[in-house]
C-alpha atoms as a PDB file:
ATOM      1  CA  MET A   1      10.815 -12.934  26.559  1.00  0.00           C
ATOM      2  CA  ALA A   2      11.349 -14.063  23.164  1.00  0.00           C
ATOM      3  CA  LEU A   3       9.085 -14.156  20.045  1.00  0.00           C
ATOM      4  CA  VAL A   4       9.207 -17.566  18.517  1.00  0.00           C
ATOM      5  CA  ALA A   5       6.519 -17.637  15.590  1.00  0.00           C
ATOM      6  CA  THR A   6       4.034 -15.759  13.967  1.00  0.00           C
ATOM      7  CA  GLY A   7       0.725 -16.468  12.103  1.00  0.00           C
ATOM      8  CA  LEU A   8      -1.455 -15.060   9.564  1.00  0.00           C
ATOM      9  CA  TYR A   9      -4.764 -15.464   7.859  1.00  0.00           C
ATOM     10  CA  ILE A  10      -5.282 -13.181   4.800  1.00  0.00           C
ATOM     11  CA  PRO A  11      -8.870 -13.555   3.085  1.00  0.00           C
ATOM     12  CA  ALA A  12      -8.668 -14.797  -0.541  1.00  0.00           C
ATOM     13  CA  ASN A  13     -11.167 -11.791  -1.318  1.00  0.00           C
ATOM     14  CA  PHE A  14      -9.754  -8.488  -2.385  1.00  0.00           C
ATOM     15  CA  GLN A  15     -10.880  -5.017  -3.114  1.00  0.00           C
ATOM     16  CA  THR A  16      -8.785  -3.306  -5.650  1.00  0.00           C
ATOM     17  CA  ALA A  17      -7.753   0.400  -6.104  1.00  0.00           C
ATOM     18  CA  GLN A  18     -10.635   0.445  -9.002  1.00  0.00           C
ATOM     19  CA  ASP A  19     -13.094  -0.929  -6.597  1.00  0.00           C
ATOM     20  CA  VAL A  20     -12.370   1.971  -3.835  1.00  0.00           C
ATOM     21  CA  ALA A  21     -12.143   4.798  -6.780  1.00  0.00           C
ATOM     22  CA  ARG A  22     -15.670   3.564  -7.876  1.00  0.00           C
ATOM     23  CA  ALA A  23     -16.897   3.455  -4.294  1.00  0.00           C
ATOM     24  CA  THR A  24     -15.634   6.814  -3.239  1.00  0.00           C
ATOM     25  CA  GLY A  25     -15.424   8.875  -6.188  1.00  0.00           C
ATOM     26  CA  ILE A  26     -11.972   9.269  -6.050  1.00  0.00           C
ATOM     27  CA  PRO A  27      -9.656   9.112  -9.014  1.00  0.00           C
ATOM     28  CA  VAL A  28      -8.136   5.643  -9.111  1.00  0.00           C
ATOM     29  CA  ASP A  29      -4.578   7.234  -9.562  1.00  0.00           C
ATOM     30  CA  VAL A  30      -4.928   9.297  -6.271  1.00  0.00           C
ATOM     31  CA  ILE A  31      -6.084   5.728  -4.629  1.00  0.00           C
ATOM     32  CA  ARG A  32      -2.836   4.298  -5.621  1.00  0.00           C
ATOM     33  CA  GLU A  33      -0.329   7.115  -5.391  1.00  0.00           C
ATOM     34  CA  LYS A  34      -1.749   9.133  -2.269  1.00  0.00           C
ATOM     35  CA  PHE A  35      -3.693   6.335  -0.441  1.00  0.00           C
ATOM     36  CA  GLY A  36      -1.126   4.010  -1.399  1.00  0.00           C
ATOM     37  CA  ILE A  37      -3.407   1.209  -2.109  1.00  0.00           C
ATOM     38  CA  MET A  38      -3.146  -1.475  -5.067  1.00  0.00           C
ATOM     39  CA  ARG A  39      -5.502  -3.534  -3.395  1.00  0.00           C
ATOM     40  CA  LYS A  40      -6.492  -4.843   0.052  1.00  0.00           C
ATOM     41  CA  PRO A  41      -8.114  -8.110   1.851  1.00  0.00           C
ATOM     42  CA  ARG A  42     -11.866  -7.912   2.224  1.00  0.00           C
ATOM     43  CA  ALA A  43     -13.441 -10.565   4.512  1.00  0.00           C
ATOM     44  CA  THR A  44     -16.490 -12.338   3.237  1.00  0.00           C
ATOM     45  CA  GLU A  45     -19.215 -13.196   5.553  1.00  0.00           C
ATOM     46  CA  HIS A  46     -18.162 -16.296   7.290  1.00  0.00           C
ATOM     47  CA  GLU A  47     -14.770 -14.910   7.960  1.00  0.00           C
ATOM     48  CA  THR A  48     -15.582 -13.369  11.281  1.00  0.00           C
ATOM     49  CA  ALA A  49     -12.994 -11.596  13.289  1.00  0.00           C
ATOM     50  CA  SER A  50     -12.552 -14.743  15.673  1.00  0.00           C
ATOM     51  CA  PHE A  51     -12.451 -17.244  12.710  1.00  0.00           C
ATOM     52  CA  MET A  52      -9.460 -15.301  11.126  1.00  0.00           C
ATOM     53  CA  ALA A  53      -7.696 -15.040  14.432  1.00  0.00           C
ATOM     54  CA  ILE A  54      -8.219 -18.768  14.979  1.00  0.00           C
ATOM     55  CA  GLN A  55      -6.882 -19.603  11.701  1.00  0.00           C
ATOM     56  CA  ALA A  56      -3.811 -17.359  12.135  1.00  0.00           C
ATOM     57  CA  ALA A  57      -3.196 -18.745  15.531  1.00  0.00           C
ATOM     58  CA  ARG A  58      -3.428 -22.529  14.274  1.00  0.00           C
ATOM     59  CA  ARG A  59      -0.743 -21.569  11.902  1.00  0.00           C
ATOM     60  CA  CYS A  60       1.401 -20.115  14.412  1.00  0.00           C
ATOM     61  CA  LEU A  61       1.363 -22.891  16.896  1.00  0.00           C
ATOM     62  CA  GLU A  62       1.885 -25.575  13.990  1.00  0.00           C
ATOM     63  CA  GLU A  63       5.057 -23.089  12.990  1.00  0.00           C
ATOM     64  CA  ALA A  64       6.330 -23.357  16.506  1.00  0.00           C
ATOM     65  CA  GLY A  65       5.574 -26.808  17.113  1.00  0.00           C
ATOM     66  CA  GLN A  66       3.473 -25.687  20.043  1.00  0.00           C
ATOM     67  CA  ASP A  67       1.006 -27.992  21.737  1.00  0.00           C
ATOM     68  CA  PRO A  68      -1.753 -25.800  22.511  1.00  0.00           C
ATOM     69  CA  ALA A  69      -2.199 -27.319  25.999  1.00  0.00           C
ATOM     70  CA  GLY A  70       1.184 -25.598  26.788  1.00  0.00           C
ATOM     71  CA  VAL A  71      -0.059 -22.116  26.129  1.00  0.00           C
ATOM     72  CA  ASP A  72      -0.623 -20.513  29.564  1.00  0.00           C
ATOM     73  CA  MET A  73      -2.284 -17.349  28.555  1.00  0.00           C
ATOM     74  CA  VAL A  74      -4.316 -15.963  25.542  1.00  0.00           C
ATOM     75  CA  LEU A  75      -4.496 -12.150  24.709  1.00  0.00           C
ATOM     76  CA  TRP A  76      -6.891 -11.069  22.001  1.00  0.00           C
ATOM     77  CA  THR A  77      -5.443  -8.406  19.891  1.00  0.00           C
ATOM     78  CA  GLY A  78      -8.136  -7.947  17.385  1.00  0.00           C
ATOM     79  CA  SER A  79     -10.489  -5.104  16.696  1.00  0.00           C
ATOM     80  CA  GLU A  80     -13.326  -4.428  18.986  1.00  0.00           C
ATOM     81  CA  HIS A  81     -15.692  -4.970  16.077  1.00  0.00           C
ATOM     82  CA  LYS A  82     -16.150  -8.768  16.854  1.00  0.00           C
ATOM     83  CA  ASP A  83     -18.645 -11.668  16.074  1.00  0.00           C
ATOM     84  CA  HIS A  84     -20.931 -10.220  18.821  1.00  0.00           C
ATOM     85  CA  TYR A  85     -21.444  -7.045  20.660  1.00  0.00           C
ATOM     86  CA  VAL A  86     -20.290  -6.821  24.323  1.00  0.00           C
ATOM     87  CA  TRP A  87     -18.269  -9.964  23.958  1.00  0.00           C
ATOM     88  CA  SER A  88     -15.061 -11.555  24.996  1.00  0.00           C
ATOM     89  CA  ALA A  89     -13.375 -13.030  21.847  1.00  0.00           C
ATOM     90  CA  GLY A  90     -10.113 -14.185  23.513  1.00  0.00           C
ATOM     91  CA  ILE A  91     -12.100 -16.967  25.351  1.00  0.00           C
ATOM     92  CA  LYS A  92     -13.491 -18.220  22.263  1.00  0.00           C
ATOM     93  CA  VAL A  93     -10.216 -18.249  20.604  1.00  0.00           C
ATOM     94  CA  GLN A  94      -8.609 -20.173  23.509  1.00  0.00           C
ATOM     95  CA  HIS A  95     -11.446 -22.578  23.547  1.00  0.00           C
ATOM     96  CA  GLU A  96     -11.403 -23.466  19.596  1.00  0.00           C
ATOM     97  CA  LEU A  97      -7.653 -24.033  19.835  1.00  0.00           C
ATOM     98  CA  GLY A  98      -7.822 -26.222  22.423  1.00  0.00           C
ATOM     99  CA  CYS A  99      -5.675 -24.062  24.993  1.00  0.00           C
ATOM    100  CA  VAL A 100      -7.297 -25.903  28.167  1.00  0.00           C
ATOM    101  CA  ASN A 101      -4.677 -24.887  30.500  1.00  0.00           C
ATOM    102  CA  ALA A 102      -4.524 -20.910  29.788  1.00  0.00           C
ATOM    103  CA  TRP A 103      -6.752 -18.344  30.795  1.00  0.00           C
ATOM    104  CA  ALA A 104      -7.844 -15.628  28.408  1.00  0.00           C
ATOM    105  CA  THR A 105      -8.610 -11.869  28.086  1.00  0.00           C
ATOM    106  CA  ASP A 106      -9.033  -9.146  25.352  1.00  0.00           C
ATOM    107  CA  VAL A 107      -6.920  -6.187  24.833  1.00  0.00           C
ATOM    108  CA  ALA A 108      -7.827  -3.209  23.182  1.00  0.00           C
ATOM    109  CA  SER A 109      -5.611  -0.260  21.997  1.00  0.00           C
ATOM    110  CA  ARG A 110      -6.909  -0.370  18.385  1.00  0.00           C
ATOM    111  CA  CYS A 111      -4.409  -0.550  15.926  1.00  0.00           C
ATOM    112  CA  ALA A 112      -1.623  -0.692  18.466  1.00  0.00           C
ATOM    113  CA  THR A 113      -2.835  -3.625  20.155  1.00  0.00           C
ATOM    114  CA  ASN A 114      -0.326  -6.171  19.066  1.00  0.00           C
ATOM    115  CA  ILE A 115       2.421  -3.869  20.446  1.00  0.00           C
ATOM    116  CA  VAL A 116       0.749  -3.037  23.844  1.00  0.00           C
ATOM    117  CA  ALA A 117       0.010  -6.677  24.154  1.00  0.00           C
ATOM    118  CA  LEU A 118       3.531  -7.496  23.681  1.00  0.00           C
ATOM    119  CA  LYS A 119       4.281  -5.534  26.632  1.00  0.00           C
ATOM    120  CA  LEU A 120       1.705  -6.880  28.714  1.00  0.00           C
ATOM    121  CA  ALA A 121       2.729 -10.159  27.928  1.00  0.00           C
ATOM    122  CA  LYS A 122       6.187  -9.312  28.721  1.00  0.00           C
ATOM    123  CA  ASP A 123       5.345  -7.939  32.252  1.00  0.00           C
ATOM    124  CA  ILE A 124       3.078 -10.764  33.142  1.00  0.00           C
ATOM    125  CA  ILE A 125       5.813 -13.437  32.267  1.00  0.00           C
ATOM    126  CA  ARG A 126       8.265 -11.287  34.522  1.00  0.00           C
ATOM    127  CA  SER A 127       5.920 -11.269  37.343  1.00  0.00           C
ATOM    128  CA  ASP A 128       4.083 -14.286  37.013  1.00  0.00           C
ATOM    129  CA  PRO A 129       6.256 -17.457  37.216  1.00  0.00           C
ATOM    130  CA  ARG A 130       3.506 -19.910  36.184  1.00  0.00           C
ATOM    131  CA  VAL A 131       2.985 -17.862  32.853  1.00  0.00           C
ATOM    132  CA  ASN A 132       5.662 -18.993  30.505  1.00  0.00           C
ATOM    133  CA  THR A 133       3.939 -19.220  27.245  1.00  0.00           C
ATOM    134  CA  VAL A 134       1.523 -16.356  25.712  1.00  0.00           C
ATOM    135  CA  LEU A 135      -0.218 -16.500  22.596  1.00  0.00           C
ATOM    136  CA  LEU A 136      -1.400 -13.118  20.921  1.00  0.00           C
ATOM    137  CA  ALA A 137      -4.180 -13.530  18.375  1.00  0.00           C
ATOM    138  CA  GLY A 138      -6.735 -11.346  17.090  1.00  0.00           C
ATOM    139  CA  GLY A 139      -8.913 -10.767  13.587  1.00  0.00           C
ATOM    140  CA  HIS A 140     -10.029  -7.104  12.057  1.00  0.00           C
ATOM    141  CA  ARG A 141     -12.623  -6.546   9.796  1.00  0.00           C
ATOM    142  CA  THR A 142     -12.968  -2.943  10.290  1.00  0.00           C
ATOM    143  CA  THR A 143     -13.833  -2.404   6.574  1.00  0.00           C
ATOM    144  CA  ASP A 144     -17.494  -3.231   7.987  1.00  0.00           C
ATOM    145  CA  LEU A 145     -17.189   0.181   9.780  1.00  0.00           C
ATOM    146  CA  ILE A 146     -16.284   2.213   6.718  1.00  0.00           C
ATOM    147  CA  ASP A 147     -18.777   4.112   4.599  1.00  0.00           C
ATOM    148  CA  LEU A 148     -16.912   4.890   1.336  1.00  0.00           C
ATOM    149  CA  THR A 149     -18.957   7.657   0.554  1.00  0.00           C
ATOM    150  CA  ASN A 150     -18.090   9.830   3.803  1.00  0.00           C
ATOM    151  CA  GLN A 151     -15.485  12.009   2.918  1.00  0.00           C
ATOM    152  CA  ASN A 152     -14.971  12.721   6.513  1.00  0.00           C
ATOM    153  CA  THR A 153     -13.300   9.371   6.927  1.00  0.00           C
ATOM    154  CA  ARG A 154     -11.320   9.307   3.641  1.00  0.00           C
ATOM    155  CA  PHE A 155      -8.280   8.551   5.661  1.00  0.00           C
ATOM    156  CA  MET A 156      -9.652   5.177   6.728  1.00  0.00           C
ATOM    157  CA  PHE A 157     -10.513   4.301   3.355  1.00  0.00           C
ATOM    158  CA  ASN A 158      -7.279   2.189   3.428  1.00  0.00           C
ATOM    159  CA  PHE A 159      -8.840  -0.046   6.403  1.00  0.00           C
ATOM    160  CA  SER A 160      -8.796  -4.166   5.441  1.00  0.00           C
ATOM    161  CA  ASP A 161      -9.409  -7.217   6.979  1.00  0.00           C
ATOM    162  CA  ALA A 162      -6.978 -10.209   8.157  1.00  0.00           C
ATOM    163  CA  GLY A 163      -6.136 -12.055  11.224  1.00  0.00           C
ATOM    164  CA  SER A 164      -2.537 -12.272  13.161  1.00  0.00           C
ATOM    165  CA  ALA A 165      -0.750 -13.975  15.552  1.00  0.00           C
ATOM    166  CA  MET A 166       2.407 -14.354  17.819  1.00  0.00           C
ATOM    167  CA  LEU A 167       3.791 -16.719  20.416  1.00  0.00           C
ATOM    168  CA  VAL A 168       5.995 -15.344  22.902  1.00  0.00           C
ATOM    169  CA  LYS A 169       7.735 -17.575  25.625  1.00  0.00           C
ATOM    170  CA  ARG A 170       9.942 -16.819  28.581  1.00  0.00           C
ATOM    171  CA  MET A 171      13.409 -16.889  27.284  1.00  0.00           C
ATOM    172  CA  PRO A 172      15.770 -19.545  28.926  1.00  0.00           C
ATOM    173  CA  PRO A 173      18.332 -18.087  31.266  1.00  0.00           C
ATOM    174  CA  ALA A 174      21.411 -19.098  29.011  1.00  0.00           C
ATOM    175  CA  ALA A 175      19.429 -18.318  25.591  1.00  0.00           C
ATOM    176  CA  GLY A 176      21.861 -17.818  22.999  1.00  0.00           C
ATOM    177  CA  SER A 177      21.119 -15.665  19.617  1.00  0.00           C
ATOM    178  CA  GLY A 178      18.881 -18.178  18.203  1.00  0.00           C
ATOM    179  CA  TRP A 179      15.980 -16.463  20.383  1.00  0.00           C
ATOM    180  CA  THR A 180      14.167 -13.394  19.070  1.00  0.00           C
ATOM    181  CA  GLU A 181      14.207 -11.205  22.254  1.00  0.00           C
ATOM    182  CA  VAL A 182      11.246  -8.678  23.066  1.00  0.00           C
ATOM    183  CA  LEU A 183      13.262  -5.694  24.336  1.00  0.00           C
ATOM    184  CA  GLU A 184      11.664  -2.630  25.321  1.00  0.00           C
ATOM    185  CA  THR A 185       8.352  -0.910  24.317  1.00  0.00           C
ATOM    186  CA  ALA A 186       7.223   2.540  24.340  1.00  0.00           C
ATOM    187  CA  VAL A 187       3.565   3.932  24.379  1.00  0.00           C
ATOM    188  CA  ILE A 188       2.196   7.381  24.168  1.00  0.00           C
ATOM    189  CA  THR A 189      -1.574   8.173  24.572  1.00  0.00           C
ATOM    190  CA  ASP A 190      -3.139  11.455  23.841  1.00  0.00           C
ATOM    191  CA  GLY A 191      -7.129  11.699  25.212  1.00  0.00           C
ATOM    192  CA  ALA A 192      -7.348  14.918  23.458  1.00  0.00           C
ATOM    193  CA  PHE A 193      -8.445  12.929  20.573  1.00  0.00           C
ATOM    194  CA  SER A 194     -10.465  10.513  22.263  1.00  0.00           C
ATOM    195  CA  GLU A 195     -13.688  11.579  20.709  1.00  0.00           C
ATOM    196  CA  ASP A 196     -12.365  12.611  17.292  1.00  0.00           C
ATOM    197  CA  VAL A 197     -12.838   9.398  15.284  1.00  0.00           C
ATOM    198  CA  ILE A 198     -16.211   7.664  16.720  1.00  0.00           C
ATOM    199  CA  ILE A 199     -19.089   5.456  15.966  1.00  0.00           C
ATOM    200  CA  PRO A 200     -21.940   7.864  17.242  1.00  0.00           C
ATOM    201  CA  PRO A 201     -24.929   6.042  19.009  1.00  0.00           C
ATOM    202  CA  GLY A 202     -27.119   4.223  16.793  1.00  0.00           C
ATOM    203  CA  ARG A 203     -24.951   4.092  13.878  1.00  0.00           C
ATOM    204  CA  LYS A 204     -22.892   1.283  12.313  1.00  0.00           C
ATOM    205  CA  PHE A 205     -20.052   3.342  10.710  1.00  0.00           C
ATOM    206  CA  PHE A 206     -17.146   5.698  11.893  1.00  0.00           C
ATOM    207  CA  ASP A 207     -17.413   9.366  11.496  1.00  0.00           C
ATOM    208  CA  VAL A 208     -15.394  12.481  12.194  1.00  0.00           C
ATOM    209  CA  PRO A 209     -17.282  15.132  13.773  1.00  0.00           C
ATOM    210  CA  ASP A 210     -14.676  17.734  13.019  1.00  0.00           C
ATOM    211  CA  PRO A 211     -12.476  16.494  10.175  1.00  0.00           C
ATOM    212  CA  GLU A 212     -10.521  19.792   9.502  1.00  0.00           C
ATOM    213  CA  GLY A 213      -9.990  20.280  13.413  1.00  0.00           C
ATOM    214  CA  LEU A 214      -8.623  16.954  13.870  1.00  0.00           C
ATOM    215  CA  LYS A 215      -6.318  17.192  10.869  1.00  0.00           C
ATOM    216  CA  GLN A 216      -5.098  20.741  12.413  1.00  0.00           C
ATOM    217  CA  ARG A 217      -4.651  19.333  15.862  1.00  0.00           C
ATOM    218  CA  LEU A 218      -3.253  15.902  14.921  1.00  0.00           C
ATOM    219  CA  ASP A 219      -0.671  16.623  11.867  1.00  0.00           C
ATOM    220  CA  PRO A 220       1.464  18.573  14.456  1.00  0.00           C
ATOM    221  CA  VAL A 221       2.127  15.741  16.767  1.00  0.00           C
ATOM    222  CA  SER A 222       1.645  12.720  15.286  1.00  0.00           C
ATOM    223  CA  MET A 223       4.943  12.167  13.506  1.00  0.00           C
ATOM    224  CA  ARG A 224       6.555  13.676  16.375  1.00  0.00           C
ATOM    225  CA  ASN A 225       4.974  10.931  18.659  1.00  0.00           C
ATOM    226  CA  PHE A 226       5.926   8.089  16.061  1.00  0.00           C
ATOM    227  CA  ALA A 227       9.637   9.248  16.124  1.00  0.00           C
ATOM    228  CA  LYS A 228       9.444   9.400  19.866  1.00  0.00           C
ATOM    229  CA  VAL A 229       8.081   6.025  20.675  1.00  0.00           C
ATOM    230  CA  ILE A 230      10.590   4.523  18.336  1.00  0.00           C
ATOM    231  CA  ARG A 231      13.344   6.444  19.630  1.00  0.00           C
ATOM    232  CA  ASP A 232      12.401   5.342  23.133  1.00  0.00           C
ATOM    233  CA  ALA A 233      11.883   1.921  22.274  1.00  0.00           C
ATOM    234  CA  VAL A 234      15.358   1.637  20.826  1.00  0.00           C
ATOM    235  CA  GLU A 235      17.222   3.734  23.206  1.00  0.00           C
ATOM    236  CA  GLY A 236      15.648   1.776  26.271  1.00  0.00           C
ATOM    237  CA  SER A 237      16.837  -1.379  24.670  1.00  0.00           C
ATOM    238  CA  GLY A 238      20.428   0.097  24.565  1.00  0.00           C
ATOM    239  CA  TYR A 239      20.664   0.913  20.901  1.00  0.00           C
ATOM    240  CA  ARG A 240      20.672   4.097  18.578  1.00  0.00           C
ATOM    241  CA  LEU A 241      18.326   4.996  15.801  1.00  0.00           C
ATOM    242  CA  GLN A 242      20.990   4.443  13.416  1.00  0.00           C
ATOM    243  CA  ASP A 243      21.285   0.775  14.546  1.00  0.00           C
ATOM    244  CA  ILE A 244      17.702  -0.333  13.068  1.00  0.00           C
ATOM    245  CA  GLY A 245      17.963  -3.000  10.716  1.00  0.00           C
ATOM    246  CA  TYR A 246      14.344  -3.130   9.786  1.00  0.00           C
ATOM    247  CA  LEU A 247      11.062  -0.874  10.631  1.00  0.00           C
ATOM    248  CA  ALA A 248       7.679  -2.879  10.605  1.00  0.00           C
ATOM    249  CA  LEU A 249       5.269  -0.085  10.120  1.00  0.00           C
ATOM    250  CA  LEU A 250       1.439   0.163   9.733  1.00  0.00           C
ATOM    251  CA  HIS A 251      -0.126   1.237   6.401  1.00  0.00           C
ATOM    252  CA  MET A 252      -0.959   4.604   6.178  1.00  0.00           C
ATOM    253  CA  LYS A 253      -0.897   7.398   3.330  1.00  0.00           C
ATOM    254  CA  ARG A 254       2.630   7.128   1.462  1.00  0.00           C
ATOM    255  CA  SER A 255       3.831  10.628   2.391  1.00  0.00           C
ATOM    256  CA  ALA A 256       3.411   9.799   6.031  1.00  0.00           C
ATOM    257  CA  HIS A 257       5.298   6.612   5.983  1.00  0.00           C
ATOM    258  CA  ASP A 258       8.001   8.498   4.246  1.00  0.00           C
ATOM    259  CA  THR A 259       7.730  11.123   6.812  1.00  0.00           C
ATOM    260  CA  VAL A 260       8.170   8.635   9.450  1.00  0.00           C
ATOM    261  CA  LEU A 261      11.388   7.267   7.939  1.00  0.00           C
ATOM    262  CA  ARG A 262      12.767  10.850   7.523  1.00  0.00           C
ATOM    263  CA  GLU A 263      12.177  11.626  10.996  1.00  0.00           C
ATOM    264  CA  ILE A 264      14.244   8.581  12.301  1.00  0.00           C
ATOM    265  CA  GLY A 265      16.687   8.885   9.716  1.00  0.00           C
ATOM    266  CA  LEU A 266      15.908   5.202   8.303  1.00  0.00           C
ATOM    267  CA  ALA A 267      16.582   4.283   4.472  1.00  0.00           C
ATOM    268  CA  PRO A 268      13.480   3.133   2.815  1.00  0.00           C
ATOM    269  CA  GLU A 269      14.555  -0.119   1.782  1.00  0.00           C
ATOM    270  CA  LYS A 270      14.738  -0.734   5.601  1.00  0.00           C
ATOM    271  CA  SER A 271      10.771  -0.790   5.618  1.00  0.00           C
ATOM    272  CA  ILE A 272       8.161  -2.347   3.517  1.00  0.00           C
ATOM    273  CA  TYR A 273       5.077  -0.100   2.264  1.00  0.00           C
ATOM    274  CA  LEU A 274       1.859  -2.435   2.558  1.00  0.00           C
ATOM    275  CA  SER A 275       0.223  -1.238  -0.502  1.00  0.00           C
ATOM    276  CA  ASP A 276      -0.988  -4.640  -1.331  1.00  0.00           C
ATOM    277  CA  TYR A 277      -2.549  -5.096   2.232  1.00  0.00           C
ATOM    278  CA  GLY A 278      -3.950  -1.765   3.218  1.00  0.00           C
ATOM    279  CA  HIS A 279      -4.350  -1.118   6.791  1.00  0.00           C
ATOM    280  CA  VAL A 280      -5.663  -3.928   8.630  1.00  0.00           C
ATOM    281  CA  GLY A 281      -4.756  -2.485  12.269  1.00  0.00           C
ATOM    282  CA  ALA A 282      -2.843  -4.541  14.402  1.00  0.00           C
ATOM    283  CA  PRO A 283      -1.964  -7.343  12.074  1.00  0.00           C
ATOM    284  CA  ASP A 284       0.164  -4.654  10.096  1.00  0.00           C
ATOM    285  CA  GLN A 285       3.171  -5.545  11.885  1.00  0.00           C
ATOM    286  CA  VAL A 286       3.063  -9.098  11.380  1.00  0.00           C
ATOM    287  CA  ILE A 287       2.423  -9.116   7.789  1.00  0.00           C
ATOM    288  CA  SER A 288       5.314  -6.365   7.486  1.00  0.00           C
ATOM    289  CA  LEU A 289       7.560  -9.151   9.302  1.00  0.00           C
ATOM    290  CA  ARG A 290       6.751 -11.854   7.288  1.00  0.00           C
ATOM    291  CA  LEU A 291       7.148 -10.162   3.995  1.00  0.00           C
ATOM    292  CA  ALA A 292      10.598  -8.799   5.160  1.00  0.00           C
ATOM    293  CA  LEU A 293      11.660 -12.277   5.961  1.00  0.00           C
ATOM    294  CA  GLU A 294      10.656 -13.870   2.672  1.00  0.00           C
ATOM    295  CA  ARG A 295      12.526 -10.827   1.072  1.00  0.00           C
ATOM    296  CA  ARG A 296      15.499 -11.388   3.231  1.00  0.00           C
ATOM    297  CA  LEU A 297      15.355  -8.017   4.718  1.00  0.00           C
ATOM    298  CA  ILE A 298      16.003  -9.532   8.414  1.00  0.00           C
ATOM    299  CA  HIS A 299      19.155 -11.190   9.479  1.00  0.00           C
ATOM    300  CA  ARG A 300      20.010 -12.669  12.820  1.00  0.00           C
ATOM    301  CA  GLY A 301      21.226  -9.719  15.369  1.00  0.00           C
ATOM    302  CA  ASP A 302      19.307  -7.222  13.579  1.00  0.00           C
ATOM    303  CA  LEU A 303      17.402  -4.738  15.613  1.00  0.00           C
ATOM    304  CA  VAL A 304      13.766  -4.890  14.235  1.00  0.00           C
ATOM    305  CA  VAL A 305      11.194  -2.279  15.615  1.00  0.00           C
ATOM    306  CA  LEU A 306       7.372  -2.792  15.306  1.00  0.00           C
ATOM    307  CA  ALA A 307       5.496   0.463  15.383  1.00  0.00           C
ATOM    308  CA  SER A 308       2.102   1.465  15.175  1.00  0.00           C
ATOM    309  CA  ALA A 309      -0.793   4.123  16.086  1.00  0.00           C
ATOM    310  CA  GLY A 310      -4.489   3.655  17.015  1.00  0.00           C
ATOM    311  CA  ILE A 311      -7.212   6.083  17.000  1.00  0.00           C
ATOM    312  CA  GLY A 312      -7.795   7.621  20.422  1.00  0.00           C
ATOM    313  CA  TYR A 313      -4.734   8.408  19.918  1.00  0.00           C
ATOM    314  CA  THR A 314      -2.084   5.718  20.818  1.00  0.00           C
ATOM    315  CA  TRP A 315       1.418   5.483  19.625  1.00  0.00           C
ATOM    316  CA  ALA A 316       3.564   2.521  20.318  1.00  0.00           C
ATOM    317  CA  ALA A 317       6.908   0.628  19.319  1.00  0.00           C
ATOM    318  CA  SER A 318       8.570  -2.319  20.295  1.00  0.00           C
ATOM    319  CA  ALA A 319      12.081  -3.539  19.868  1.00  0.00           C
ATOM    320  CA  LEU A 320      13.165  -6.982  18.870  1.00  0.00           C
ATOM    321  CA  ARG A 321      16.668  -8.471  18.678  1.00  0.00           C
ATOM    322  CA  TRP A 322      16.287 -10.970  16.048  1.00  0.00           C
ATOM    323  CA  GLY A 323      17.092 -14.576  16.238  1.00  0.00           C
ATOM    324  CA  GLU A 324      15.428 -17.271  14.027  1.00  0.00           C
ATOM    325  CA  VAL A 325      11.627 -16.722  14.837  1.00  0.00           C
ATOM    326  CA  LYS A 326       9.706 -18.847  12.322  1.00  0.00           C
END
């Protein structure tokens, strides 16, 4: 399977470090240096989750020169906080784009959804000869779910809003290095954390019932699991960690970002810290990829790794052999 194009929709409205500092009561230098936020996109009222996904998907299809009618499957990779409660957003995206010959479904692995959906798309393409082209699209506006006065959820103060899309296709048997091949994906889930970050019944914001307990249990395993899924995806693809040319990593606090790089022995210049975007969710990897391409940090033949984690908890990584994805 090959990744042939990506698309992004970033709201024009941003919250600055000063905005976050005023709302939280945390000094602005701490927001910038520890939280790693210079600014982060914040959707306006009309920029719903599906709207942002549709805009990103349109750009992705245009970049690929892909007729929407030629898409066989649409996977929603956005947040569960959608336009409506108990609602299938992927079907809406399929309809609005004109993917009349596709079927759609929603994937929900929190901030690891793009990576999990890549694996699902690859496995479906492998198993079903009728599926050759899959569109992954999703919008996130999880800033709606964060109460900036609740210090129990301070590690989520970096949440931001945007939409992303990825178009993947079955690789021709004789495909050359011009195709970006989707290699192996590794996933770890640990249900011991499934009720540590929740929106309690009848409420609208995330809460952490036992923040100190979560920290004590999560800190010892999180970096280890990041390193493991990255290593497993890389080695499962026939490479070594030292072969990684670029790592597209989610936004998290600066110290955690640096720790992941140290854990796998990767030089800082082989990843980009998303201080101007915050943590959108699943779109983080697409943002990182497009920034890296703009800065010419990725070249044909490079081993590129996407890595993320989602509350619950899920850790996931996918390896790509880079070609000339648009």
